[in-house]
Amino acid sequence: MTSSATDWNELARSKLEKVFGAAEAERLMRKSLSQIGLATLDSADDLHRFANELSASGGFAAPVGAMLSLTAVLRGASGSSPQA
């Protein structure tokens, strides 16, 4: 799958669902997207910003955020995404 074909929202949601279940994953998606001022994840850089927000929230979300951050960088994020 190329970067242009990646569904960044589904990638993040699927990782969150594996750890938290569907309802909590959806809550975390909405909360974290709101915190960074986005409605959707449209790029690797957006995923990186989202991942950083998850990491900062602590608890079990932090390691999921770290994993998503690594995934974002491996898929083309600059690693220095601007903060909202």
PDB file of N, CA and C in Angstrom:
ATOM      1  N   MET A   1       0.856  -1.185   0.000  1.00  0.00           N
ATOM      2  CA  MET A   1       0.000   0.000   0.000  1.00  0.00           C
ATOM      3  C   MET A   1       0.894   1.237   0.000  1.00  0.00           C
ATOM      4  N   THR A   2       0.630   2.156  -0.889  1.00  0.00           N
ATOM      5  CA  THR A   2       1.403   3.387  -0.957  1.00  0.00           C
ATOM      6  C   THR A   2       0.826   4.413  -0.002  1.00  0.00           C
ATOM      7  N   SER A   3       1.617   5.434   0.303  1.00  0.00           N
ATOM      8  CA  SER A   3       1.152   6.484   1.207  1.00  0.00           C
ATOM      9  C   SER A   3      -0.116   7.140   0.703  1.00  0.00           C
ATOM     10  N   SER A   4      -0.234   7.334  -0.607  1.00  0.00           N
ATOM     11  CA  SER A   4      -1.416   8.000  -1.151  1.00  0.00           C
ATOM     12  C   SER A   4      -2.675   7.152  -0.988  1.00  0.00           C
ATOM     13  N   ALA A   5      -2.522   5.843  -0.830  1.00  0.00           N
ATOM     14  CA  ALA A   5      -3.676   4.964  -0.689  1.00  0.00           C
ATOM     15  C   ALA A   5      -4.003   4.669   0.774  1.00  0.00           C
ATOM     16  N   THR A   6      -3.263   5.227   1.694  1.00  0.00           N
ATOM     17  CA  THR A   6      -3.467   4.942   3.108  1.00  0.00           C
ATOM     18  C   THR A   6      -4.685   5.676   3.638  1.00  0.00           C
ATOM     19  N   ASP A   7      -5.540   4.948   4.340  1.00  0.00           N
ATOM     20  CA  ASP A   7      -6.637   5.565   5.079  1.00  0.00           C
ATOM     21  C   ASP A   7      -6.116   5.792   6.496  1.00  0.00           C
ATOM     22  N   TRP A   8      -5.626   6.983   6.738  1.00  0.00           N
ATOM     23  CA  TRP A   8      -4.974   7.311   8.007  1.00  0.00           C
ATOM     24  C   TRP A   8      -5.925   7.172   9.191  1.00  0.00           C
ATOM     25  N   ASN A   9      -7.193   7.544   9.000  1.00  0.00           N
ATOM     26  CA  ASN A   9      -8.185   7.415  10.072  1.00  0.00           C
ATOM     27  C   ASN A   9      -8.394   5.957  10.447  1.00  0.00           C
ATOM     28  N   GLU A  10      -8.540   5.109   9.446  1.00  0.00           N
ATOM     29  CA  GLU A  10      -8.774   3.685   9.704  1.00  0.00           C
ATOM     30  C   GLU A  10      -7.548   3.045  10.351  1.00  0.00           C
ATOM     31  N   LEU A  11      -6.376   3.451   9.932  1.00  0.00           N
ATOM     32  CA  LEU A  11      -5.145   2.937  10.541  1.00  0.00           C
ATOM     33  C   LEU A  11      -5.118   3.246  12.036  1.00  0.00           C
ATOM     34  N   ALA A  12      -5.360   4.496  12.387  1.00  0.00           N
ATOM     35  CA  ALA A  12      -5.356   4.895  13.797  1.00  0.00           C
ATOM     36  C   ALA A  12      -6.476   4.208  14.567  1.00  0.00           C
ATOM     37  N   ARG A  13      -7.667   4.201  14.001  1.00  0.00           N
ATOM     38  CA  ARG A  13      -8.828   3.598  14.678  1.00  0.00           C
ATOM     39  C   ARG A  13      -8.608   2.110  14.930  1.00  0.00           C
ATOM     40  N   SER A  14      -8.074   1.411  13.950  1.00  0.00           N
ATOM     41  CA  SER A  14      -7.886  -0.037  14.105  1.00  0.00           C
ATOM     42  C   SER A  14      -6.894  -0.351  15.224  1.00  0.00           C
ATOM     43  N   LYS A  15      -5.836   0.442  15.332  1.00  0.00           N
ATOM     44  CA  LYS A  15      -4.867   0.217  16.420  1.00  0.00           C
ATOM     45  C   LYS A  15      -5.505   0.506  17.770  1.00  0.00           C
ATOM     46  N   LEU A  16      -6.265   1.579  17.854  1.00  0.00           N
ATOM     47  CA  LEU A  16      -6.943   1.916  19.106  1.00  0.00           C
ATOM     48  C   LEU A  16      -7.977   0.855  19.483  1.00  0.00           C
ATOM     49  N   GLU A  17      -8.722   0.349  18.504  1.00  0.00           N
ATOM     50  CA  GLU A  17      -9.742  -0.661  18.780  1.00  0.00           C
ATOM     51  C   GLU A  17      -9.151  -1.952  19.324  1.00  0.00           C
ATOM     52  N   LYS A  18      -7.964  -2.310  18.859  1.00  0.00           N
ATOM     53  CA  LYS A  18      -7.320  -3.537  19.343  1.00  0.00           C
ATOM     54  C   LYS A  18      -6.991  -3.447  20.824  1.00  0.00           C
ATOM     55  N   VAL A  19      -6.706  -2.258  21.301  1.00  0.00           N
ATOM     56  CA  VAL A  19      -6.342  -2.063  22.701  1.00  0.00           C
ATOM     57  C   VAL A  19      -7.553  -1.714  23.561  1.00  0.00           C
ATOM     58  N   PHE A  20      -8.433  -0.845  23.060  1.00  0.00           N
ATOM     59  CA  PHE A  20      -9.496  -0.267  23.890  1.00  0.00           C
ATOM     60  C   PHE A  20     -10.914  -0.735  23.559  1.00  0.00           C
ATOM     61  N   GLY A  21     -11.116  -1.374  22.421  1.00  0.00           N
ATOM     62  CA  GLY A  21     -12.467  -1.688  21.978  1.00  0.00           C
ATOM     63  C   GLY A  21     -13.032  -0.533  21.166  1.00  0.00           C
ATOM     64  N   ALA A  22     -14.111  -0.816  20.450  1.00  0.00           N
ATOM     65  CA  ALA A  22     -14.654   0.149  19.493  1.00  0.00           C
ATOM     66  C   ALA A  22     -15.132   1.448  20.122  1.00  0.00           C
ATOM     67  N   ALA A  23     -15.889   1.366  21.206  1.00  0.00           N
ATOM     68  CA  ALA A  23     -16.467   2.583  21.803  1.00  0.00           C
ATOM     69  C   ALA A  23     -15.392   3.511  22.347  1.00  0.00           C
ATOM     70  N   GLU A  24     -14.446   2.961  23.089  1.00  0.00           N
ATOM     71  CA  GLU A  24     -13.385   3.795  23.663  1.00  0.00           C
ATOM     72  C   GLU A  24     -12.450   4.311  22.570  1.00  0.00           C
ATOM     73  N   ALA A  25     -12.215   3.509  21.544  1.00  0.00           N
ATOM     74  CA  ALA A  25     -11.388   3.961  20.421  1.00  0.00           C
ATOM     75  C   ALA A  25     -12.023   5.169  19.750  1.00  0.00           C
ATOM     76  N   GLU A  26     -13.323   5.110  19.548  1.00  0.00           N
ATOM     77  CA  GLU A  26     -14.028   6.234  18.919  1.00  0.00           C
ATOM     78  C   GLU A  26     -13.946   7.483  19.798  1.00  0.00           C
ATOM     79  N   ARG A  27     -14.093   7.320  21.110  1.00  0.00           N
ATOM     80  CA  ARG A  27     -13.998   8.451  22.033  1.00  0.00           C
ATOM     81  C   ARG A  27     -12.598   9.066  21.978  1.00  0.00           C
ATOM     82  N   LEU A  28     -11.572   8.217  21.999  1.00  0.00           N
ATOM     83  CA  LEU A  28     -10.195   8.711  21.936  1.00  0.00           C
ATOM     84  C   LEU A  28      -9.907   9.400  20.599  1.00  0.00           C
ATOM     85  N   MET A  29     -10.435   8.851  19.515  1.00  0.00           N
ATOM     86  CA  MET A  29     -10.253   9.484  18.204  1.00  0.00           C
ATOM     87  C   MET A  29     -10.838  10.891  18.220  1.00  0.00           C
ATOM     88  N   ARG A  30     -12.103  11.006  18.638  1.00  0.00           N
ATOM     89  CA  ARG A  30     -12.761  12.325  18.648  1.00  0.00           C
ATOM     90  C   ARG A  30     -12.021  13.304  19.546  1.00  0.00           C
ATOM     91  N   LYS A  31     -11.670  12.866  20.745  1.00  0.00           N
ATOM     92  CA  LYS A  31     -10.997  13.751  21.701  1.00  0.00           C
ATOM     93  C   LYS A  31      -9.644  14.212  21.167  1.00  0.00           C
ATOM     94  N   SER A  32      -8.845  13.288  20.701  1.00  0.00           N
ATOM     95  CA  SER A  32      -7.502  13.639  20.229  1.00  0.00           C
ATOM     96  C   SER A  32      -7.545  14.494  18.969  1.00  0.00           C
ATOM     97  N   LEU A  33      -8.448  14.168  18.045  1.00  0.00           N
ATOM     98  CA  LEU A  33      -8.584  15.004  16.846  1.00  0.00           C
ATOM     99  C   LEU A  33      -8.991  16.420  17.225  1.00  0.00           C
ATOM    100  N   SER A  34      -9.919  16.539  18.154  1.00  0.00           N
ATOM    101  CA  SER A  34     -10.354  17.859  18.612  1.00  0.00           C
ATOM    102  C   SER A  34      -9.200  18.631  19.238  1.00  0.00           C
ATOM    103  N   GLN A  35      -8.405  17.951  20.030  1.00  0.00           N
ATOM    104  CA  GLN A  35      -7.274  18.596  20.716  1.00  0.00           C
ATOM    105  C   GLN A  35      -6.254  19.172  19.729  1.00  0.00           C
ATOM    106  N   ILE A  36      -6.092  18.526  18.585  1.00  0.00           N
ATOM    107  CA  ILE A  36      -5.115  19.025  17.603  1.00  0.00           C
ATOM    108  C   ILE A  36      -5.771  19.846  16.498  1.00  0.00           C
ATOM    109  N   GLY A  37      -7.076  20.060  16.608  1.00  0.00           N
ATOM    110  CA  GLY A  37      -7.774  20.924  15.667  1.00  0.00           C
ATOM    111  C   GLY A  37      -8.033  20.326  14.299  1.00  0.00           C
ATOM    112  N   LEU A  38      -8.178  19.013  14.231  1.00  0.00           N
ATOM    113  CA  LEU A  38      -8.452  18.345  12.964  1.00  0.00           C
ATOM    114  C   LEU A  38      -9.776  17.597  13.027  1.00  0.00           C
ATOM    115  N   ALA A  39     -10.410  17.449  11.872  1.00  0.00           N
ATOM    116  CA  ALA A  39     -11.625  16.638  11.784  1.00  0.00           C
ATOM    117  C   ALA A  39     -11.290  15.217  11.343  1.00  0.00           C
ATOM    118  N   THR A  40     -10.249  15.096  10.515  1.00  0.00           N
ATOM    119  CA  THR A  40      -9.816  13.790  10.015  1.00  0.00           C
ATOM    120  C   THR A  40      -8.294  13.781   9.893  1.00  0.00           C
ATOM    121  N   LEU A  41      -7.760  12.593   9.736  1.00  0.00           N
ATOM    122  CA  LEU A  41      -6.331  12.421   9.492  1.00  0.00           C
ATOM    123  C   LEU A  41      -6.152  12.231   7.990  1.00  0.00           C
ATOM    124  N   ASP A  42      -5.486  13.181   7.352  1.00  0.00           N
ATOM    125  CA  ASP A  42      -5.362  13.156   5.897  1.00  0.00           C
ATOM    126  C   ASP A  42      -3.947  12.909   5.395  1.00  0.00           C
ATOM    127  N   SER A  43      -2.990  12.760   6.313  1.00  0.00           N
ATOM    128  CA  SER A  43      -1.603  12.576   5.893  1.00  0.00           C
ATOM    129  C   SER A  43      -0.808  11.905   7.007  1.00  0.00           C
ATOM    130  N   ALA A  44       0.395  11.498   6.660  1.00  0.00           N
ATOM    131  CA  ALA A  44       1.291  10.932   7.668  1.00  0.00           C
ATOM    132  C   ALA A  44       1.613  11.979   8.738  1.00  0.00           C
ATOM    133  N   ASP A  45       1.740  13.242   8.339  1.00  0.00           N
ATOM    134  CA  ASP A  45       2.009  14.295   9.321  1.00  0.00           C
ATOM    135  C   ASP A  45       0.829  14.485  10.272  1.00  0.00           C
ATOM    136  N   ASP A  46      -0.401  14.367   9.752  1.00  0.00           N
ATOM    137  CA  ASP A  46      -1.575  14.430  10.632  1.00  0.00           C
ATOM    138  C   ASP A  46      -1.562  13.274  11.621  1.00  0.00           C
ATOM    139  N   LEU A  47      -1.239  12.075  11.131  1.00  0.00           N
ATOM    140  CA  LEU A  47      -1.157  10.912  12.019  1.00  0.00           C
ATOM    141  C   LEU A  47      -0.092  11.138  13.084  1.00  0.00           C
ATOM    142  N   HIS A  48       1.009  11.749  12.710  1.00  0.00           N
ATOM    143  CA  HIS A  48       2.088  12.020  13.669  1.00  0.00           C
ATOM    144  C   HIS A  48       1.609  12.981  14.763  1.00  0.00           C
ATOM    145  N   ARG A  49       0.916  14.032  14.382  1.00  0.00           N
ATOM    146  CA  ARG A  49       0.363  14.971  15.373  1.00  0.00           C
ATOM    147  C   ARG A  49      -0.630  14.270  16.289  1.00  0.00           C
ATOM    148  N   PHE A  50      -1.501  13.452  15.709  1.00  0.00           N
ATOM    149  CA  PHE A  50      -2.480  12.679  16.465  1.00  0.00           C
ATOM    150  C   PHE A  50      -1.768  11.749  17.454  1.00  0.00           C
ATOM    151  N   ALA A  51      -0.753  11.061  16.978  1.00  0.00           N
ATOM    152  CA  ALA A  51       0.008  10.138  17.816  1.00  0.00           C
ATOM    153  C   ALA A  51       0.672  10.863  18.980  1.00  0.00           C
ATOM    154  N   ASN A  52       1.217  12.036  18.719  1.00  0.00           N
ATOM    155  CA  ASN A  52       1.842  12.817  19.795  1.00  0.00           C
ATOM    156  C   ASN A  52       0.814  13.211  20.847  1.00  0.00           C
ATOM    157  N   GLU A  53      -0.388  13.545  20.412  1.00  0.00           N
ATOM    158  CA  GLU A  53      -1.462  13.882  21.351  1.00  0.00           C
ATOM    159  C   GLU A  53      -1.833  12.667  22.201  1.00  0.00           C
ATOM    160  N   LEU A  54      -1.948  11.521  21.578  1.00  0.00           N
ATOM    161  CA  LEU A  54      -2.235  10.290  22.328  1.00  0.00           C
ATOM    162  C   LEU A  54      -1.131  10.002  23.336  1.00  0.00           C
ATOM    163  N   SER A  55       0.113  10.124  22.909  1.00  0.00           N
ATOM    164  CA  SER A  55       1.248   9.856  23.796  1.00  0.00           C
ATOM    165  C   SER A  55       1.222  10.758  25.015  1.00  0.00           C
ATOM    166  N   ALA A  56       0.859  12.008  24.814  1.00  0.00           N
ATOM    167  CA  ALA A  56       0.825  12.977  25.913  1.00  0.00           C
ATOM    168  C   ALA A  56      -0.321  12.711  26.877  1.00  0.00           C
ATOM    169  N   SER A  57      -1.338  11.967  26.436  1.00  0.00           N
ATOM    170  CA  SER A  57      -2.493  11.722  27.309  1.00  0.00           C
ATOM    171  C   SER A  57      -2.212  10.691  28.390  1.00  0.00           C
ATOM    172  N   GLY A  58      -1.144   9.930  28.256  1.00  0.00           N
ATOM    173  CA  GLY A  58      -0.748   8.981  29.286  1.00  0.00           C
ATOM    174  C   GLY A  58      -1.552   7.696  29.271  1.00  0.00           C
ATOM    175  N   GLY A  59      -1.389   6.903  30.311  1.00  0.00           N
ATOM    176  CA  GLY A  59      -2.082   5.626  30.422  1.00  0.00           C
ATOM    177  C   GLY A  59      -1.741   4.694  29.272  1.00  0.00           C
ATOM    178  N   PHE A  60      -2.670   3.803  28.946  1.00  0.00           N
ATOM    179  CA  PHE A  60      -2.455   2.863  27.849  1.00  0.00           C
ATOM    180  C   PHE A  60      -2.445   3.551  26.495  1.00  0.00           C
ATOM    181  N   ALA A  61      -2.974   4.769  26.421  1.00  0.00           N
ATOM    182  CA  ALA A  61      -2.964   5.497  25.147  1.00  0.00           C
ATOM    183  C   ALA A  61      -1.544   5.900  24.750  1.00  0.00           C
ATOM    184  N   ALA A  62      -0.674   6.109  25.728  1.00  0.00           N
ATOM    185  CA  ALA A  62       0.686   6.570  25.434  1.00  0.00           C
ATOM    186  C   ALA A  62       1.471   5.583  24.565  1.00  0.00           C
ATOM    187  N   PRO A  63       1.516   4.293  24.897  1.00  0.00           N
ATOM    188  CA  PRO A  63       2.260   3.393  24.013  1.00  0.00           C
ATOM    189  C   PRO A  63       1.606   3.204  22.643  1.00  0.00           C
ATOM    190  N   VAL A  64       0.284   3.304  22.570  1.00  0.00           N
ATOM    191  CA  VAL A  64      -0.385   3.245  21.266  1.00  0.00           C
ATOM    192  C   VAL A  64       0.028   4.471  20.453  1.00  0.00           C
ATOM    193  N   GLY A  65       0.076   5.627  21.102  1.00  0.00           N
ATOM    194  CA  GLY A  65       0.533   6.837  20.436  1.00  0.00           C
ATOM    195  C   GLY A  65       1.964   6.714  19.938  1.00  0.00           C
ATOM    196  N   ALA A  66       2.832   6.124  20.764  1.00  0.00           N
ATOM    197  CA  ALA A  66       4.228   5.949  20.359  1.00  0.00           C
ATOM    198  C   ALA A  66       4.340   5.040  19.136  1.00  0.00           C
ATOM    199  N   MET A  67       3.549   3.970  19.116  1.00  0.00           N
ATOM    200  CA  MET A  67       3.559   3.058  17.987  1.00  0.00           C
ATOM    201  C   MET A  67       3.032   3.755  16.730  1.00  0.00           C
ATOM    202  N   LEU A  68       1.955   4.528  16.876  1.00  0.00           N
ATOM    203  CA  LEU A  68       1.415   5.266  15.725  1.00  0.00           C
ATOM    204  C   LEU A  68       2.388   6.336  15.237  1.00  0.00           C
ATOM    205  N   SER A  69       3.123   6.945  16.153  1.00  0.00           N
ATOM    206  CA  SER A  69       4.122   7.940  15.769  1.00  0.00           C
ATOM    207  C   SER A  69       5.209   7.297  14.907  1.00  0.00           C
ATOM    208  N   LEU A  70       5.680   6.146  15.328  1.00  0.00           N
ATOM    209  CA  LEU A  70       6.684   5.426  14.552  1.00  0.00           C
ATOM    210  C   LEU A  70       6.126   5.050  13.178  1.00  0.00           C
ATOM    211  N   THR A  71       4.907   4.555  13.145  1.00  0.00           N
ATOM    212  CA  THR A  71       4.264   4.201  11.882  1.00  0.00           C
ATOM    213  C   THR A  71       4.182   5.421  10.960  1.00  0.00           C
ATOM    214  N   ALA A  72       3.801   6.569  11.521  1.00  0.00           N
ATOM    215  CA  ALA A  72       3.694   7.789  10.724  1.00  0.00           C
ATOM    216  C   ALA A  72       5.037   8.171  10.113  1.00  0.00           C
ATOM    217  N   VAL A  73       6.095   8.111  10.896  1.00  0.00           N
ATOM    218  CA  VAL A  73       7.425   8.466  10.395  1.00  0.00           C
ATOM    219  C   VAL A  73       7.863   7.471   9.317  1.00  0.00           C
ATOM    220  N   LEU A  74       7.613   6.180   9.554  1.00  0.00           N
ATOM    221  CA  LEU A  74       7.980   5.173   8.557  1.00  0.00           C
ATOM    222  C   LEU A  74       7.205   5.344   7.251  1.00  0.00           C
ATOM    223  N   ARG A  75       6.032   5.967   7.323  1.00  0.00           N
ATOM    224  CA  ARG A  75       5.203   6.171   6.136  1.00  0.00           C
ATOM    225  C   ARG A  75       5.310   7.587   5.578  1.00  0.00           C
ATOM    226  N   GLY A  76       6.309   8.343   6.042  1.00  0.00           N
ATOM    227  CA  GLY A  76       6.596   9.609   5.383  1.00  0.00           C
ATOM    228  C   GLY A  76       6.414  10.875   6.190  1.00  0.00           C
ATOM    229  N   ALA A  77       5.962  10.780   7.443  1.00  0.00           N
ATOM    230  CA  ALA A  77       5.837  12.003   8.251  1.00  0.00           C
ATOM    231  C   ALA A  77       7.214  12.594   8.484  1.00  0.00           C
ATOM    232  N   SER A  78       7.250  13.898   8.585  1.00  0.00           N
ATOM    233  CA  SER A  78       8.534  14.577   8.785  1.00  0.00           C
ATOM    234  C   SER A  78       9.101  14.338  10.165  1.00  0.00           C
ATOM    235  N   GLY A  79       8.258  13.984  11.104  1.00  0.00           N
ATOM    236  CA  GLY A  79       8.728  13.773  12.469  1.00  0.00           C
ATOM    237  C   GLY A  79       8.823  15.053  13.256  1.00  0.00           C
ATOM    238  N   SER A  80       8.566  16.163  12.593  1.00  0.00           N
ATOM    239  CA  SER A  80       8.577  17.463  13.274  1.00  0.00           C
ATOM    240  C   SER A  80       7.292  18.220  12.951  1.00  0.00           C
ATOM    241  N   SER A  81       6.193  17.467  12.988  1.00  0.00           N
ATOM    242  CA  SER A  81       4.887  18.057  12.652  1.00  0.00           C
ATOM    243  C   SER A  81       4.570  19.217  13.559  1.00  0.00           C
ATOM    244  N   PRO A  82       4.052  20.315  13.003  1.00  0.00           N
ATOM    245  CA  PRO A  82       3.704  21.463  13.834  1.00  0.00           C
ATOM    246  C   PRO A  82       2.580  21.128  14.792  1.00  0.00           C
ATOM    247  N   GLN A  83       2.624  21.694  15.967  1.00  0.00           N
ATOM    248  CA  GLN A  83       1.567  21.478  16.948  1.00  0.00           C
ATOM    249  C   GLN A  83       0.438  22.449  16.704  1.00  0.00           C
ATOM    250  N   ALA A  84      -0.780  22.023  17.003  1.00  0.00           N
ATOM    251  CA  ALA A  84      -1.956  22.883  16.799  1.00  0.00           C
ATOM    252  C   ALA A  84      -1.980  23.997  17.818  1.00  0.00           C
TER     253      ALA A  84
END
